[in-house]
Amino acid sequence: MPMPIEKLRKLVAIDQDDPLSLFALGQALFQDGGPESLSEAAEHLTAANKKAPEHLATYHILGQVLIKLNRNDQARSVLTAGCQRVGDIGEGKGRDLGPAMENLLKGL
């Protein structure tokens, strides 16, 4: 069961530098799907991406958020960077997200 958004907000407030808490909050806000939630999700996921650029799931979710916000140039940039990172990642560490990100890029 996913953690409630308010609990994730508390985790981020405790440690604003924790990329996994930022990612989890951004992902939860993305799943919430409201326009304000998407804008906030983009902020948290962008911060998570800067702090942990090796985390491929952040590129994948951030790209989707940016697409929903009609920020296609930013989405293209994020997804392209994510696809480039796939080659640097070992098996089983999110490499399966490469084709998903490529499909998102094709749709832009």
Protein backbone atom coordinates (compact mmCIF):
# COMPACT_ATOMS: atom_id res chain seq x y z
CA MET A 1 0.00 0.00 0.00
CA PRO A 2 1.44 3.40 -1.01
CA MET A 3 2.40 5.85 1.69
CA PRO A 4 0.02 8.83 2.04
CA ILE A 5 1.17 12.10 0.49
CA GLU A 6 1.13 13.92 3.83
CA LYS A 7 3.46 11.35 5.37
CA LEU A 8 5.80 11.70 2.37
CA ARG A 9 5.73 15.49 2.77
CA LYS A 10 6.87 15.02 6.38
CA LEU A 11 9.75 12.79 5.26
CA VAL A 12 10.86 15.41 2.74
CA ALA A 13 10.59 18.13 5.40
CA ILE A 14 12.86 16.11 7.66
CA ASP A 15 15.52 15.65 4.96
CA GLN A 16 15.11 17.76 1.84
CA ASP A 17 18.27 16.24 0.39
CA ASP A 18 17.02 12.64 0.38
CA PRO A 19 16.47 11.78 -3.29
CA LEU A 20 14.35 8.71 -2.54
CA SER A 21 11.91 10.69 -0.37
CA LEU A 22 11.74 13.38 -3.06
CA PHE A 23 11.11 10.71 -5.69
CA ALA A 24 8.45 8.98 -3.61
CA LEU A 25 6.60 12.25 -3.01
CA GLY A 26 6.87 13.22 -6.67
CA GLN A 27 5.59 9.83 -7.77
CA ALA A 28 2.66 9.98 -5.33
CA LEU A 29 1.74 13.45 -6.55
CA PHE A 30 1.94 12.23 -10.16
CA GLN A 31 -0.43 9.41 -9.33
CA ASP A 32 -2.77 11.91 -7.66
CA GLY A 33 -2.91 13.59 -11.07
CA GLY A 34 -4.37 17.01 -10.27
CA PRO A 35 -2.85 20.05 -12.04
CA GLU A 36 -1.40 21.45 -8.82
CA SER A 37 -0.13 18.00 -7.87
CA LEU A 38 1.62 17.65 -11.22
CA SER A 39 3.42 20.98 -10.87
CA GLU A 40 4.58 20.06 -7.38
CA ALA A 41 5.57 16.59 -8.59
CA ALA A 42 7.77 18.17 -11.26
CA GLU A 43 9.57 20.21 -8.61
CA HIS A 44 10.28 17.24 -6.33
CA LEU A 45 11.26 14.92 -9.16
CA THR A 46 13.60 17.53 -10.66
CA ALA A 47 15.29 17.88 -7.28
CA ALA A 48 15.52 14.09 -6.90
CA ASN A 49 17.00 13.80 -10.38
CA LYS A 50 19.72 16.35 -9.57
CA LYS A 51 20.60 14.58 -6.32
CA ALA A 52 20.59 11.02 -7.74
CA PRO A 53 21.09 11.12 -11.52
CA GLU A 54 21.71 7.36 -11.56
CA HIS A 55 18.08 6.65 -10.52
CA LEU A 56 16.39 5.83 -13.83
CA ALA A 57 12.85 5.72 -12.46
CA THR A 58 13.10 9.44 -11.72
CA TYR A 59 13.73 10.22 -15.39
CA HIS A 60 10.82 8.01 -16.38
CA ILE A 61 8.27 9.53 -13.99
CA LEU A 62 9.55 13.10 -14.42
CA GLY A 63 9.27 12.73 -18.19
CA GLN A 64 5.65 11.64 -17.85
CA VAL A 65 4.86 14.52 -15.50
CA LEU A 66 6.39 17.04 -17.89
CA ILE A 67 4.40 15.58 -20.80
CA LYS A 68 1.16 15.94 -18.81
CA LEU A 69 2.13 19.55 -18.07
CA ASN A 70 2.71 20.13 -21.83
CA ARG A 71 6.36 20.91 -21.17
CA ASN A 72 7.44 18.73 -24.06
CA ASP A 73 10.87 20.29 -24.64
CA GLN A 74 11.79 19.65 -21.02
CA ALA A 75 10.31 16.15 -21.20
CA ARG A 76 12.36 15.40 -24.31
CA SER A 77 15.52 16.57 -22.56
CA VAL A 78 14.84 14.52 -19.41
CA LEU A 79 13.89 11.37 -21.30
CA THR A 80 16.87 11.66 -23.63
CA ALA A 81 19.19 11.96 -20.63
CA GLY A 82 17.48 8.95 -19.03
CA CYS A 83 17.92 6.86 -22.17
CA GLN A 84 21.60 7.80 -22.28
CA ARG A 85 22.02 6.75 -18.64
CA VAL A 86 20.57 3.29 -19.33
CA GLY A 87 23.86 2.23 -20.87
CA ASP A 88 25.70 3.09 -17.65
CA ILE A 89 23.40 1.01 -15.45
CA GLY A 90 23.88 -2.68 -14.70
CA GLU A 91 21.26 -5.35 -15.32
CA GLY A 92 18.27 -5.25 -13.03
CA LYS A 93 18.80 -1.65 -11.93
CA GLY A 94 16.11 -0.07 -14.03
CA ARG A 95 17.44 -0.88 -17.47
CA ASP A 96 13.96 -2.07 -18.39
CA LEU A 97 12.86 1.57 -18.24
CA GLY A 98 14.98 2.37 -21.31
CA PRO A 99 12.41 1.10 -23.83
CA ALA A 100 9.58 2.79 -21.89
CA MET A 101 11.42 6.12 -22.05
CA GLU A 102 12.15 5.61 -25.74
CA ASN A 103 8.43 5.04 -26.36
CA LEU A 104 7.60 8.26 -24.52
CA LEU A 105 10.14 10.10 -26.65
CA LYS A 106 8.60 8.73 -29.84
CA GLY A 107 5.24 10.14 -28.76
CA LEU A 108 6.57 13.69 -28.39
